[in-house]
Protein backbone atom coordinates (compact mmCIF):
# COMPACT_ATOMS: atom_id res chain seq x y z
CA MET A 1 -6.90 -17.49 1.68
CA ALA A 2 -7.51 -15.40 -1.42
CA VAL A 3 -5.27 -13.66 -3.93
CA TYR A 4 -5.60 -9.90 -4.49
CA PHE A 5 -3.93 -7.46 -6.85
CA LEU A 6 -3.70 -4.02 -5.25
CA ASP A 7 -3.13 -0.83 -7.21
CA SER A 8 -1.44 2.18 -5.66
CA SER A 9 -4.72 3.86 -4.63
CA ALA A 10 -5.64 0.79 -2.58
CA VAL A 11 -2.19 0.56 -1.00
CA VAL A 12 -2.24 4.23 0.04
CA LYS A 13 -5.51 3.54 1.90
CA ARG A 14 -3.60 1.14 4.14
CA TYR A 15 -1.27 3.88 5.35
CA ALA A 16 -3.59 6.92 5.23
CA GLN A 17 -7.10 7.18 6.59
CA GLU A 18 -9.57 7.79 3.78
CA THR A 19 -12.69 6.18 2.38
CA GLY A 20 -12.01 2.48 2.00
CA SER A 21 -9.15 2.33 4.50
CA THR A 22 -10.97 0.03 6.91
CA TRP A 23 -11.63 -2.53 4.18
CA VAL A 24 -8.04 -2.42 2.92
CA GLU A 25 -6.68 -2.75 6.46
CA MET A 26 -8.80 -5.87 7.06
CA LEU A 27 -7.79 -7.32 3.70
CA THR A 28 -4.07 -6.77 4.31
CA GLU A 29 -3.89 -8.06 7.89
CA PRO A 30 -1.20 -10.75 7.88
CA GLN A 31 -3.51 -13.00 9.94
CA ALA A 32 -5.98 -13.02 7.03
CA GLY A 33 -3.42 -15.03 5.07
CA HIS A 34 -4.19 -13.43 1.71
CA ARG A 35 -1.60 -13.21 -1.06
CA LEU A 36 -1.22 -9.56 -2.03
CA TYR A 37 0.24 -8.69 -5.41
CA LEU A 38 1.51 -5.31 -6.58
CA ALA A 39 2.86 -4.13 -9.89
CA ARG A 40 6.49 -3.05 -9.65
CA ILE A 41 5.55 0.60 -10.32
CA THR A 42 3.24 0.62 -7.28
CA ALA A 43 6.13 1.24 -4.88
CA VAL A 44 7.07 4.43 -6.70
CA GLU A 45 3.45 5.53 -7.05
CA VAL A 46 2.75 5.12 -3.33
CA VAL A 47 5.80 7.15 -2.31
CA ALA A 48 4.85 9.86 -4.83
CA ALA A 49 1.25 9.97 -3.57
CA VAL A 50 2.32 10.36 0.06
CA ALA A 51 4.91 13.04 -0.83
CA ARG A 52 2.33 14.93 -2.90
CA ARG A 53 -0.16 14.87 -0.02
CA GLN A 54 2.49 16.00 2.45
CA ARG A 55 3.48 18.94 0.22
CA GLY A 56 -0.21 19.84 -0.17
CA GLY A 57 -0.73 19.85 3.59
CA ALA A 58 -3.03 16.81 3.65
CA PHE A 59 -0.39 14.74 5.48
CA SER A 60 1.73 15.78 8.41
CA ALA A 61 5.33 14.68 8.67
CA ALA A 62 4.18 12.03 11.16
CA ASP A 63 1.61 10.72 8.67
CA ALA A 64 4.28 10.57 5.99
CA ALA A 65 6.39 8.47 8.37
CA ALA A 66 4.00 5.64 7.43
CA LEU A 67 6.31 5.18 4.44
CA ALA A 68 8.64 3.27 6.76
CA ASP A 69 5.80 0.82 7.43
CA PHE A 70 5.17 0.58 3.69
CA ALA A 71 8.84 -0.17 3.02
CA ASP A 72 8.78 -2.98 5.57
CA ASP A 73 5.51 -4.38 4.19
CA LEU A 74 6.87 -4.12 0.65
CA ALA A 75 9.84 -6.26 1.64
CA HIS A 76 7.90 -8.83 3.65
CA GLN A 77 4.21 -8.93 2.81
CA TYR A 78 3.54 -7.93 -0.79
CA CYS A 79 4.36 -10.06 -3.83
CA ARG A 80 5.46 -8.08 -6.88
CA LEU A 81 4.46 -8.94 -10.40
CA THR A 82 7.30 -8.78 -12.88
CA SER A 83 5.16 -9.93 -15.79
CA PRO A 84 1.48 -10.73 -16.24
CA PRO A 85 0.46 -14.09 -14.74
CA VAL A 86 -0.05 -16.84 -17.27
């Protein structure tokens, strides 16, 4: 088991197919047992990135539905940093 800090660009790759998505998907598989940390702002940044791509035509409405998966993962899989680790 390893510990990873994911920024919003890495998290988006989990829910949208782009360069690096395969690596992020393997890293975030629950069976891998890694601890995944996010900054609190990451949740807002991911939603904004998906909405921006949907408005720009890069995401269909079905692709944007991945936000439901993100919300579930945010509640159950990611750890959120409230202050820098000591």
